[in-house]
């Protein structure tokens, strides 16, 4: 309770796994690639 977040944690995006498996219509390869490229472009490293 006395701590303050002073730096960002490591982030892992699970949009292509946990997110994708929850979709009524899972992503096509084209949509997966678009998501992957977005994640890379905005800075996710994992």
ModelCIF file with pLDDT and N, C-alpha, C, O atoms, coordinates in Angstrom:
data_MODEL
#
_entry.id   MODEL 
#
_entity.id                         1 
_entity.type                       polymer 
_entity.pdbx_number_of_molecules   1 
#
_entity_poly.entity_id                      1 
_entity_poly.type                           'polypeptide(L)' 
_entity_poly.nstd_linkage                   no 
_entity_poly.nstd_monomer                   no 
_entity_poly.pdbx_seq_one_letter_code       
;(UNK)(UNK)(UNK)(UNK)(UNK)(UNK)(UNK)(UNK)(UNK)(UNK)(UNK)(UNK)(UNK)(UNK)(UNK)(UNK)
(UNK)(UNK)(UNK)(UNK)(UNK)(UNK)(UNK)(UNK)(UNK)(UNK)(UNK)(UNK)(UNK)(UNK)(UNK)(UNK)
(UNK)(UNK)(UNK)(UNK)(UNK)(UNK)(UNK)(UNK)(UNK)(UNK)(UNK)(UNK)(UNK)(UNK)
;
_entity_poly.pdbx_seq_one_letter_code_can   XXXXXXXXXXXXXXXXXXXXXXXXXXXXXXXXXXXXXXXXXXXXXX 
_entity_poly.pdbx_strand_id                 A 
#
loop_
_entity_poly_seq.entity_id 
_entity_poly_seq.num 
_entity_poly_seq.mon_id 
_entity_poly_seq.hetero 
1 1  UNK n 
1 2  UNK n 
1 3  UNK n 
1 4  UNK n 
1 5  UNK n 
1 6  UNK n 
1 7  UNK n 
1 8  UNK n 
1 9  UNK n 
1 10 UNK n 
1 11 UNK n 
1 12 UNK n 
1 13 UNK n 
1 14 UNK n 
1 15 UNK n 
1 16 UNK n 
1 17 UNK n 
1 18 UNK n 
1 19 UNK n 
1 20 UNK n 
1 21 UNK n 
1 22 UNK n 
1 23 UNK n 
1 24 UNK n 
1 25 UNK n 
1 26 UNK n 
1 27 UNK n 
1 28 UNK n 
1 29 UNK n 
1 30 UNK n 
1 31 UNK n 
1 32 UNK n 
1 33 UNK n 
1 34 UNK n 
1 35 UNK n 
1 36 UNK n 
1 37 UNK n 
1 38 UNK n 
1 39 UNK n 
1 40 UNK n 
1 41 UNK n 
1 42 UNK n 
1 43 UNK n 
1 44 UNK n 
1 45 UNK n 
1 46 UNK n 
#
_struct_asym.id          A 
_struct_asym.entity_id   1 
#
loop_
_ma_qa_metric.id 
_ma_qa_metric.mode 
_ma_qa_metric.name 
_ma_qa_metric.software_group_id 
_ma_qa_metric.type 
1 global pLDDT . pLDDT 
2 local  pLDDT . pLDDT 
#
_ma_qa_metric_global.metric_id      1 
_ma_qa_metric_global.metric_value   96.89 
_ma_qa_metric_global.model_id       1 
_ma_qa_metric_global.ordinal_id     1 
#
loop_
_ma_qa_metric_local.label_asym_id 
_ma_qa_metric_local.label_comp_id 
_ma_qa_metric_local.label_seq_id 
_ma_qa_metric_local.metric_id 
_ma_qa_metric_local.metric_value 
_ma_qa_metric_local.model_id 
_ma_qa_metric_local.ordinal_id 
A UNK 1  2 97.00 1 1  
A UNK 2  2 97.00 1 2  
A UNK 3  2 98.00 1 3  
A UNK 4  2 97.00 1 4  
A UNK 5  2 98.00 1 5  
A UNK 6  2 97.00 1 6  
A UNK 7  2 97.00 1 7  
A UNK 8  2 98.00 1 8  
A UNK 9  2 98.00 1 9  
A UNK 10 2 98.00 1 10 
A UNK 11 2 98.00 1 11 
A UNK 12 2 98.00 1 12 
A UNK 13 2 98.00 1 13 
A UNK 14 2 98.00 1 14 
A UNK 15 2 98.00 1 15 
A UNK 16 2 98.00 1 16 
A UNK 17 2 96.00 1 17 
A UNK 18 2 96.00 1 18 
A UNK 19 2 96.00 1 19 
A UNK 20 2 96.00 1 20 
A UNK 21 2 95.00 1 21 
A UNK 22 2 95.00 1 22 
A UNK 23 2 95.00 1 23 
A UNK 24 2 91.00 1 24 
A UNK 25 2 92.00 1 25 
A UNK 26 2 94.00 1 26 
A UNK 27 2 96.00 1 27 
A UNK 28 2 95.00 1 28 
A UNK 29 2 95.00 1 29 
A UNK 30 2 96.00 1 30 
A UNK 31 2 97.00 1 31 
A UNK 32 2 97.00 1 32 
A UNK 33 2 98.00 1 33 
A UNK 34 2 98.00 1 34 
A UNK 35 2 98.00 1 35 
A UNK 36 2 98.00 1 36 
A UNK 37 2 98.00 1 37 
A UNK 38 2 98.00 1 38 
A UNK 39 2 98.00 1 39 
A UNK 40 2 98.00 1 40 
A UNK 41 2 98.00 1 41 
A UNK 42 2 98.00 1 42 
A UNK 43 2 98.00 1 43 
A UNK 44 2 98.00 1 44 
A UNK 45 2 98.00 1 45 
A UNK 46 2 98.00 1 46 
#
loop_
_atom_site.group_PDB 
_atom_site.id 
_atom_site.type_symbol 
_atom_site.label_atom_id 
_atom_site.label_alt_id 
_atom_site.label_comp_id 
_atom_site.label_asym_id 
_atom_site.label_entity_id 
_atom_site.label_seq_id 
_atom_site.pdbx_PDB_ins_code 
_atom_site.Cartn_x 
_atom_site.Cartn_y 
_atom_site.Cartn_z 
_atom_site.occupancy 
_atom_site.B_iso_or_equiv 
_atom_site.pdbx_formal_charge 
_atom_site.auth_seq_id 
_atom_site.auth_comp_id 
_atom_site.auth_asym_id 
_atom_site.auth_atom_id 
_atom_site.pdbx_PDB_model_num 
ATOM 1   N N  . UNK A 1 1  ? 0.801   -1.238  0.000   1.00 97.00 ? 1  UNK A N  1 
ATOM 2   C CA . UNK A 1 1  ? 0.000   0.000   0.000   1.00 97.00 ? 1  UNK A CA 1 
ATOM 3   C C  . UNK A 1 1  ? 0.830   1.284   0.000   1.00 97.00 ? 1  UNK A C  1 
ATOM 4   O O  . UNK A 1 1  ? 0.338   2.343   -0.389  1.00 97.00 ? 1  UNK A O  1 
ATOM 5   N N  . UNK A 1 2  ? 2.084   1.191   0.434   1.00 97.00 ? 2  UNK A N  1 
ATOM 6   C CA . UNK A 1 2  ? 2.931   2.385   0.486   1.00 97.00 ? 2  UNK A CA 1 
ATOM 7   C C  . UNK A 1 2  ? 3.779   2.564   -0.768  1.00 97.00 ? 2  UNK A C  1 
ATOM 8   O O  . UNK A 1 2  ? 4.497   3.556   -0.890  1.00 97.00 ? 2  UNK A O  1 
ATOM 9   N N  . UNK A 1 3  ? 3.707   1.625   -1.692  1.00 98.00 ? 3  UNK A N  1 
ATOM 10  C CA . UNK A 1 3  ? 4.541   1.690   -2.891  1.00 98.00 ? 3  UNK A CA 1 
ATOM 11  C C  . UNK A 1 3  ? 3.887   2.533   -3.977  1.00 98.00 ? 3  UNK A C  1 
ATOM 12  O O  . UNK A 1 3  ? 2.665   2.678   -4.015  1.00 98.00 ? 3  UNK A O  1 
ATOM 13  N N  . UNK A 1 4  ? 4.699   3.077   -4.841  1.00 97.00 ? 4  UNK A N  1 
ATOM 14  C CA . UNK A 1 4  ? 4.249   3.881   -5.980  1.00 97.00 ? 4  UNK A CA 1 
ATOM 15  C C  . UNK A 1 4  ? 4.858   3.289   -7.243  1.00 97.00 ? 4  UNK A C  1 
ATOM 16  O O  . UNK A 1 4  ? 6.035   2.926   -7.250  1.00 97.00 ? 4  UNK A O  1 
ATOM 17  N N  . UNK A 1 5  ? 4.080   3.189   -8.301  1.00 98.00 ? 5  UNK A N  1 
ATOM 18  C CA . UNK A 1 5  ? 4.597   2.661   -9.564  1.00 98.00 ? 5  UNK A CA 1 
ATOM 19  C C  . UNK A 1 5  ? 5.392   3.766   -10.245 1.00 98.00 ? 5  UNK A C  1 
ATOM 20  O O  . UNK A 1 5  ? 4.825   4.765   -10.688 1.00 98.00 ? 5  UNK A O  1 
ATOM 21  N N  . UNK A 1 6  ? 6.695   3.587   -10.328 1.00 97.00 ? 6  UNK A N  1 
ATOM 22  C CA . UNK A 1 6  ? 7.572   4.619   -10.878 1.00 97.00 ? 6  UNK A CA 1 
ATOM 23  C C  . UNK A 1 6  ? 8.103   4.269   -12.262 1.00 97.00 ? 6  UNK A C  1 
ATOM 24  O O  . UNK A 1 6  ? 8.710   5.115   -12.919 1.00 97.00 ? 6  UNK A O  1 
ATOM 25  N N  . UNK A 1 7  ? 7.885   3.042   -12.714 1.00 97.00 ? 7  UNK A N  1 
ATOM 26  C CA . UNK A 1 7  ? 8.301   2.658   -14.055 1.00 97.00 ? 7  UNK A CA 1 
ATOM 27  C C  . UNK A 1 7  ? 7.348   1.607   -14.589 1.00 97.00 ? 7  UNK A C  1 
ATOM 28  O O  . UNK A 1 7  ? 6.670   0.921   -13.825 1.00 97.00 ? 7  UNK A O  1 
ATOM 29  N N  . UNK A 1 8  ? 7.303   1.489   -15.892 1.00 98.00 ? 8  UNK A N  1 
ATOM 30  C CA . UNK A 1 8  ? 6.390   0.536   -16.519 1.00 98.00 ? 8  UNK A CA 1 
ATOM 31  C C  . UNK A 1 8  ? 6.901   -0.886  -16.320 1.00 98.00 ? 8  UNK A C  1 
ATOM 32  O O  . UNK A 1 8  ? 8.109   -1.119  -16.332 1.00 98.00 ? 8  UNK A O  1 
ATOM 33  N N  . UNK A 1 9  ? 5.982   -1.841  -16.137 1.00 98.00 ? 9  UNK A N  1 
ATOM 34  C CA . UNK A 1 9  ? 6.402   -3.236  -16.104 1.00 98.00 ? 9  UNK A CA 1 
ATOM 35  C C  . UNK A 1 9  ? 6.730   -3.728  -17.505 1.00 98.00 ? 9  UNK A C  1 
ATOM 36  O O  . UNK A 1 9  ? 6.505   -3.013  -18.482 1.00 98.00 ? 9  UNK A O  1 
ATOM 37  N N  . UNK A 1 10 ? 7.245   -4.910  -17.610 1.00 98.00 ? 10 UNK A N  1 
ATOM 38  C CA . UNK A 1 10 ? 7.324   -5.574  -18.914 1.00 98.00 ? 10 UNK A CA 1 
ATOM 39  C C  . UNK A 1 10 ? 5.910   -5.926  -19.335 1.00 98.00 ? 10 UNK A C  1 
ATOM 40  O O  . UNK A 1 10 ? 5.102   -6.386  -18.528 1.00 98.00 ? 10 UNK A O  1 
ATOM 41  N N  . UNK A 1 11 ? 5.622   -5.707  -20.600 1.00 98.00 ? 11 UNK A N  1 
ATOM 42  C CA . UNK A 1 11 ? 4.292   -6.027  -21.118 1.00 98.00 ? 11 UNK A CA 1 
ATOM 43  C C  . UNK A 1 11 ? 4.368   -7.249  -22.021 1.00 98.00 ? 11 UNK A C  1 
ATOM 44  O O  . UNK A 1 11 ? 5.322   -7.399  -22.786 1.00 98.00 ? 11 UNK A O  1 
ATOM 45  N N  . UNK A 1 12 ? 3.380   -8.113  -21.939 1.00 98.00 ? 12 UNK A N  1 
ATOM 46  C CA . UNK A 1 12 ? 3.180   -9.156  -22.949 1.00 98.00 ? 12 UNK A CA 1 
ATOM 47  C C  . UNK A 1 12 ? 1.761   -9.046  -23.476 1.00 98.00 ? 12 UNK A C  1 
ATOM 48  O O  . UNK A 1 12 ? 0.794   -9.116  -22.718 1.00 98.00 ? 12 UNK A O  1 
ATOM 49  N N  . UNK A 1 13 ? 1.650   -8.875  -24.783 1.00 98.00 ? 13 UNK A N  1 
ATOM 50  C CA . UNK A 1 13 ? 0.325   -8.884  -25.413 1.00 98.00 ? 13 UNK A CA 1 
ATOM 51  C C  . UNK A 1 13 ? -0.070  -10.312 -25.716 1.00 98.00 ? 13 UNK A C  1 
ATOM 52  O O  . UNK A 1 13 ? 0.671   -11.061 -26.353 1.00 98.00 ? 13 UNK A O  1 
ATOM 53  N N  . UNK A 1 14 ? -1.252  -10.676 -25.248 1.00 98.00 ? 14 UNK A N  1 
ATOM 54  C CA . UNK A 1 14 ? -1.783  -12.006 -25.571 1.00 98.00 ? 14 UNK A CA 1 
ATOM 55  C C  . UNK A 1 14 ? -2.999  -11.914 -26.486 1.00 98.00 ? 14 UNK A C  1 
ATOM 56  O O  . UNK A 1 14 ? -3.858  -12.796 -26.496 1.00 98.00 ? 14 UNK A O  1 
ATOM 57  N N  . UNK A 1 15 ? -3.052  -10.810 -27.266 1.00 98.00 ? 15 UNK A N  1 
ATOM 58  C CA . UNK A 1 15 ? -4.162  -10.619 -28.204 1.00 98.00 ? 15 UNK A CA 1 
ATOM 59  C C  . UNK A 1 15 ? -4.266  -11.754 -29.211 1.00 98.00 ? 15 UNK A C  1 
ATOM 60  O O  . UNK A 1 15 ? -5.370  -12.152 -29.582 1.00 98.00 ? 15 UNK A O  1 
ATOM 61  N N  . UNK A 1 16 ? -3.135  -12.277 -29.656 1.00 98.00 ? 16 UNK A N  1 
ATOM 62  C CA . UNK A 1 16 ? -3.144  -13.296 -30.708 1.00 98.00 ? 16 UNK A CA 1 
ATOM 63  C C  . UNK A 1 16 ? -3.364  -14.703 -30.165 1.00 98.00 ? 16 UNK A C  1 
ATOM 64  O O  . UNK A 1 16 ? -3.542  -15.641 -30.942 1.00 98.00 ? 16 UNK A O  1 
ATOM 65  N N  . UNK A 1 17 ? -3.355  -14.866 -28.838 1.00 96.00 ? 17 UNK A N  1 
ATOM 66  C CA . UNK A 1 17 ? -3.618  -16.176 -28.258 1.00 96.00 ? 17 UNK A CA 1 
ATOM 67  C C  . UNK A 1 17 ? -4.887  -16.135 -27.411 1.00 96.00 ? 17 UNK A C  1 
ATOM 68  O O  . UNK A 1 17 ? -5.934  -16.625 -27.833 1.00 96.00 ? 17 UNK A O  1 
ATOM 69  N N  . UNK A 1 18 ? -4.795  -15.554 -26.223 1.00 96.00 ? 18 UNK A N  1 
ATOM 70  C CA . UNK A 1 18 ? -5.954  -15.505 -25.334 1.00 96.00 ? 18 UNK A CA 1 
ATOM 71  C C  . UNK A 1 18 ? -7.069  -14.677 -25.952 1.00 96.00 ? 18 UNK A C  1 
ATOM 72  O O  . UNK A 1 18 ? -8.238  -15.057 -25.894 1.00 96.00 ? 18 UNK A O  1 
ATOM 73  N N  . UNK A 1 19 ? -6.705  -13.544 -26.545 1.00 96.00 ? 19 UNK A N  1 
ATOM 74  C CA . UNK A 1 19 ? -7.714  -12.714 -27.184 1.00 96.00 ? 19 UNK A CA 1 
ATOM 75  C C  . UNK A 1 19 ? -8.360  -13.410 -28.361 1.00 96.00 ? 19 UNK A C  1 
ATOM 76  O O  . UNK A 1 19 ? -9.583  -13.391 -28.501 1.00 96.00 ? 19 UNK A O  1 
ATOM 77  N N  . UNK A 1 20 ? -7.559  -14.020 -29.205 1.00 96.00 ? 20 UNK A N  1 
ATOM 78  C CA . UNK A 1 20 ? -8.086  -14.662 -30.412 1.00 96.00 ? 20 UNK A CA 1 
ATOM 79  C C  . UNK A 1 20 ? -8.987  -15.847 -30.094 1.00 96.00 ? 20 UNK A C  1 
ATOM 80  O O  . UNK A 1 20 ? -10.000 -16.052 -30.763 1.00 96.00 ? 20 UNK A O  1 
ATOM 81  N N  . UNK A 1 21 ? -8.627  -16.634 -29.072 1.00 95.00 ? 21 UNK A N  1 
ATOM 82  C CA . UNK A 1 21 ? -9.422  -17.826 -28.773 1.00 95.00 ? 21 UNK A CA 1 
ATOM 83  C C  . UNK A 1 21 ? -10.799 -17.478 -28.212 1.00 95.00 ? 21 UNK A C  1 
ATOM 84  O O  . UNK A 1 21 ? -11.685 -18.331 -28.146 1.00 95.00 ? 21 UNK A O  1 
ATOM 85  N N  . UNK A 1 22 ? -10.973 -16.200 -27.803 1.00 95.00 ? 22 UNK A N  1 
ATOM 86  C CA . UNK A 1 22 ? -12.253 -15.802 -27.226 1.00 95.00 ? 22 UNK A CA 1 
ATOM 87  C C  . UNK A 1 22 ? -13.223 -15.249 -28.271 1.00 95.00 ? 22 UNK A C  1 
ATOM 88  O O  . UNK A 1 22 ? -14.368 -14.938 -27.944 1.00 95.00 ? 22 UNK A O  1 
ATOM 89  N N  . UNK A 1 23 ? -12.774 -15.123 -29.529 1.00 95.00 ? 23 UNK A N  1 
ATOM 90  C CA . UNK A 1 23 ? -13.606 -14.502 -30.554 1.00 95.00 ? 23 UNK A CA 1 
ATOM 91  C C  . UNK A 1 23 ? -14.614 -15.486 -31.133 1.00 95.00 ? 23 UNK A C  1 
ATOM 92  O O  . UNK A 1 23 ? -14.321 -16.672 -31.286 1.00 95.00 ? 23 UNK A O  1 
ATOM 93  N N  . UNK A 1 24 ? -15.790 -14.989 -31.450 1.00 91.00 ? 24 UNK A N  1 
ATOM 94  C CA . UNK A 1 24 ? -16.788 -15.822 -32.124 1.00 91.00 ? 24 UNK A CA 1 
ATOM 95  C C  . UNK A 1 24 ? -16.234 -16.309 -33.451 1.00 91.00 ? 24 UNK A C  1 
ATOM 96  O O  . UNK A 1 24 ? -16.391 -17.479 -33.801 1.00 91.00 ? 24 UNK A O  1 
ATOM 97  N N  . UNK A 1 25 ? -15.594 -15.429 -34.181 1.00 92.00 ? 25 UNK A N  1 
ATOM 98  C CA . UNK A 1 25 ? -14.925 -15.781 -35.439 1.00 92.00 ? 25 UNK A CA 1 
ATOM 99  C C  . UNK A 1 25 ? -13.443 -15.474 -35.271 1.00 92.00 ? 25 UNK A C  1 
ATOM 100 O O  . UNK A 1 25 ? -13.035 -14.324 -35.433 1.00 92.00 ? 25 UNK A O  1 
ATOM 101 N N  . UNK A 1 26 ? -12.626 -16.483 -34.948 1.00 94.00 ? 26 UNK A N  1 
ATOM 102 C CA . UNK A 1 26 ? -11.195 -16.230 -34.757 1.00 94.00 ? 26 UNK A CA 1 
ATOM 103 C C  . UNK A 1 26 ? -10.577 -15.537 -35.969 1.00 94.00 ? 26 UNK A C  1 
ATOM 104 O O  . UNK A 1 26 ? -11.091 -15.630 -37.083 1.00 94.00 ? 26 UNK A O  1 
ATOM 105 N N  . UNK A 1 27 ? -9.490  -14.856 -35.735 1.00 96.00 ? 27 UNK A N  1 
ATOM 106 C CA . UNK A 1 27 ? -8.864  -14.061 -36.774 1.00 96.00 ? 27 UNK A CA 1 
ATOM 107 C C  . UNK A 1 27 ? -8.393  -14.919 -37.942 1.00 96.00 ? 27 UNK A C  1 
ATOM 108 O O  . UNK A 1 27 ? -7.903  -16.035 -37.770 1.00 96.00 ? 27 UNK A O  1 
ATOM 109 N N  . UNK A 1 28 ? -8.559  -14.362 -39.120 1.00 95.00 ? 28 UNK A N  1 
ATOM 110 C CA . UNK A 1 28 ? -7.950  -14.953 -40.309 1.00 95.00 ? 28 UNK A CA 1 
ATOM 111 C C  . UNK A 1 28 ? -6.452  -14.676 -40.268 1.00 95.00 ? 28 UNK A C  1 
ATOM 112 O O  . UNK A 1 28 ? -6.011  -13.827 -39.494 1.00 95.00 ? 28 UNK A O  1 
ATOM 113 N N  . UNK A 1 29 ? -5.653  -15.375 -41.088 1.00 95.00 ? 29 UNK A N  1 
ATOM 114 C CA . UNK A 1 29 ? -4.210  -15.068 -41.125 1.00 95.00 ? 29 UNK A CA 1 
ATOM 115 C C  . UNK A 1 29 ? -3.932  -13.597 -41.417 1.00 95.00 ? 29 UNK A C  1 
ATOM 116 O O  . UNK A 1 29 ? -2.995  -13.020 -40.866 1.00 95.00 ? 29 UNK A O  1 
ATOM 117 N N  . UNK A 1 30 ? -4.741  -12.991 -42.281 1.00 96.00 ? 30 UNK A N  1 
ATOM 118 C CA . UNK A 1 30 ? -4.538  -11.578 -42.613 1.00 96.00 ? 30 UNK A CA 1 
ATOM 119 C C  . UNK A 1 30 ? -4.787  -10.693 -41.401 1.00 96.00 ? 30 UNK A C  1 
ATOM 120 O O  . UNK A 1 30 ? -4.035  -9.751  -41.152 1.00 96.00 ? 30 UNK A O  1 
ATOM 121 N N  . UNK A 1 31 ? -5.843  -10.992 -40.645 1.00 97.00 ? 31 UNK A N  1 
ATOM 122 C CA . UNK A 1 31 ? -6.142  -10.198 -39.461 1.00 97.00 ? 31 UNK A CA 1 
ATOM 123 C C  . UNK A 1 31 ? -5.099  -10.423 -38.373 1.00 97.00 ? 31 UNK A C  1 
ATOM 124 O O  . UNK A 1 31 ? -4.737  -9.488  -37.659 1.00 97.00 ? 31 UNK A O  1 
ATOM 125 N N  . UNK A 1 32 ? -4.614  -11.658 -38.241 1.00 97.00 ? 32 UNK A N  1 
ATOM 126 C CA . UNK A 1 32 ? -3.555  -11.928 -37.271 1.00 97.00 ? 32 UNK A CA 1 
ATOM 127 C C  . UNK A 1 32 ? -2.301  -11.125 -37.595 1.00 97.00 ? 32 UNK A C  1 
ATOM 128 O O  . UNK A 1 32 ? -1.669  -10.553 -36.707 1.00 97.00 ? 32 UNK A O  1 
ATOM 129 N N  . UNK A 1 33 ? -1.952  -11.092 -38.869 1.00 98.00 ? 33 UNK A N  1 
ATOM 130 C CA . UNK A 1 33 ? -0.753  -10.359 -39.267 1.00 98.00 ? 33 UNK A CA 1 
ATOM 131 C C  . UNK A 1 33 ? -0.925  -8.862  -39.010 1.00 98.00 ? 33 UNK A C  1 
ATOM 132 O O  . UNK A 1 33 ? 0.010   -8.191  -38.571 1.00 98.00 ? 33 UNK A O  1 
ATOM 133 N N  . UNK A 1 34 ? -2.117  -8.346  -39.283 1.00 98.00 ? 34 UNK A N  1 
ATOM 134 C CA . UNK A 1 34 ? -2.368  -6.931  -39.028 1.00 98.00 ? 34 UNK A CA 1 
ATOM 135 C C  . UNK A 1 34 ? -2.234  -6.620  -37.537 1.00 98.00 ? 34 UNK A C  1 
ATOM 136 O O  . UNK A 1 34 ? -1.683  -5.583  -37.166 1.00 98.00 ? 34 UNK A O  1 
ATOM 137 N N  . UNK A 1 35 ? -2.733  -7.509  -36.686 1.00 98.00 ? 35 UNK A N  1 
ATOM 138 C CA . UNK A 1 35 ? -2.617  -7.317  -35.241 1.00 98.00 ? 35 UNK A CA 1 
ATOM 139 C C  . UNK A 1 35 ? -1.159  -7.400  -34.808 1.00 98.00 ? 35 UNK A C  1 
ATOM 140 O O  . UNK A 1 35 ? -0.690  -6.572  -34.027 1.00 98.00 ? 35 UNK A O  1 
ATOM 141 N N  . UNK A 1 36 ? -0.442  -8.400  -35.315 1.00 98.00 ? 36 UNK A N  1 
ATOM 142 C CA . UNK A 1 36 ? 0.966   -8.555  -34.951 1.00 98.00 ? 36 UNK A CA 1 
ATOM 143 C C  . UNK A 1 36 ? 1.767   -7.319  -35.347 1.00 98.00 ? 36 UNK A C  1 
ATOM 144 O O  . UNK A 1 36 ? 2.580   -6.827  -34.565 1.00 98.00 ? 36 UNK A O  1 
ATOM 145 N N  . UNK A 1 37 ? 1.543   -6.825  -36.542 1.00 98.00 ? 37 UNK A N  1 
ATOM 146 C CA . UNK A 1 37 ? 2.282   -5.651  -37.012 1.00 98.00 ? 37 UNK A CA 1 
ATOM 147 C C  . UNK A 1 37 ? 1.927   -4.407  -36.204 1.00 98.00 ? 37 UNK A C  1 
ATOM 148 O O  . UNK A 1 37 ? 2.788   -3.559  -35.965 1.00 98.00 ? 37 UNK A O  1 
ATOM 149 N N  . UNK A 1 38 ? 0.663   -4.287  -35.780 1.00 98.00 ? 38 UNK A N  1 
ATOM 150 C CA . UNK A 1 38 ? 0.283   -3.166  -34.915 1.00 98.00 ? 38 UNK A CA 1 
ATOM 151 C C  . UNK A 1 38 ? 1.026   -3.252  -33.591 1.00 98.00 ? 38 UNK A C  1 
ATOM 152 O O  . UNK A 1 38 ? 1.583   -2.256  -33.127 1.00 98.00 ? 38 UNK A O  1 
ATOM 153 N N  . UNK A 1 39 ? 1.040   -4.430  -32.978 1.00 98.00 ? 39 UNK A N  1 
ATOM 154 C CA . UNK A 1 39 ? 1.698   -4.609  -31.685 1.00 98.00 ? 39 UNK A CA 1 
ATOM 155 C C  . UNK A 1 39 ? 3.180   -4.277  -31.774 1.00 98.00 ? 39 UNK A C  1 
ATOM 156 O O  . UNK A 1 39 ? 3.731   -3.630  -30.884 1.00 98.00 ? 39 UNK A O  1 
ATOM 157 N N  . UNK A 1 40 ? 3.818   -4.718  -32.842 1.00 98.00 ? 40 UNK A N  1 
ATOM 158 C CA . UNK A 1 40 ? 5.237   -4.415  -33.035 1.00 98.00 ? 40 UNK A CA 1 
ATOM 159 C C  . UNK A 1 40 ? 5.434   -2.917  -33.243 1.00 98.00 ? 40 UNK A C  1 
ATOM 160 O O  . UNK A 1 40 ? 6.348   -2.317  -32.678 1.00 98.00 ? 40 UNK A O  1 
ATOM 161 N N  . UNK A 1 41 ? 4.579   -2.329  -34.048 1.00 98.00 ? 41 UNK A N  1 
ATOM 162 C CA . UNK A 1 41 ? 4.734   -0.927  -34.417 1.00 98.00 ? 41 UNK A CA 1 
ATOM 163 C C  . UNK A 1 41 ? 4.610   0.002   -33.210 1.00 98.00 ? 41 UNK A C  1 
ATOM 164 O O  . UNK A 1 41 ? 5.326   1.000   -33.124 1.00 98.00 ? 41 UNK A O  1 
ATOM 165 N N  . UNK A 1 42 ? 3.716   -0.313  -32.284 1.00 98.00 ? 42 UNK A N  1 
ATOM 166 C CA . UNK A 1 42 ? 3.514   0.599   -31.151 1.00 98.00 ? 42 UNK A CA 1 
ATOM 167 C C  . UNK A 1 42 ? 4.440   0.271   -29.980 1.00 98.00 ? 42 UNK A C  1 
ATOM 168 O O  . UNK A 1 42 ? 4.448   0.987   -28.979 1.00 98.00 ? 42 UNK A O  1 
ATOM 169 N N  . UNK A 1 43 ? 5.221   -0.809  -30.098 1.00 98.00 ? 43 UNK A N  1 
ATOM 170 C CA . UNK A 1 43 ? 6.298   -0.983  -29.141 1.00 98.00 ? 43 UNK A CA 1 
ATOM 171 C C  . UNK A 1 43 ? 6.273   -2.186  -28.230 1.00 98.00 ? 43 UNK A C  1 
ATOM 172 O O  . UNK A 1 43 ? 7.091   -2.252  -27.313 1.00 98.00 ? 43 UNK A O  1 
ATOM 173 N N  . UNK A 1 44 ? 5.381   -3.147  -28.428 1.00 98.00 ? 44 UNK A N  1 
ATOM 174 C CA . UNK A 1 44 ? 5.390   -4.333  -27.577 1.00 98.00 ? 44 UNK A CA 1 
ATOM 175 C C  . UNK A 1 44 ? 6.563   -5.230  -27.957 1.00 98.00 ? 44 UNK A C  1 
ATOM 176 O O  . UNK A 1 44 ? 6.778   -5.528  -29.132 1.00 98.00 ? 44 UNK A O  1 
ATOM 177 N N  . UNK A 1 45 ? 7.319   -5.658  -26.941 1.00 98.00 ? 45 UNK A N  1 
ATOM 178 C CA . UNK A 1 45 ? 8.517   -6.461  -27.157 1.00 98.00 ? 45 UNK A CA 1 
ATOM 179 C C  . UNK A 1 45 ? 8.298   -7.945  -26.863 1.00 98.00 ? 45 UNK A C  1 
ATOM 180 O O  . UNK A 1 45 ? 9.120   -8.781  -27.238 1.00 98.00 ? 45 UNK A O  1 
ATOM 181 N N  . UNK A 1 46 ? 7.210   -8.267  -26.205 1.00 98.00 ? 46 UNK A N  1 
ATOM 182 C CA . UNK A 1 46 ? 6.865   -9.659  -25.918 1.00 98.00 ? 46 UNK A CA 1 
ATOM 183 C C  . UNK A 1 46 ? 5.434   -9.890  -26.400 1.00 98.00 ? 46 UNK A C  1 
ATOM 184 O O  . UNK A 1 46 ? 4.909   -10.995 -26.269 1.00 98.00 ? 46 UNK A O  1 
#
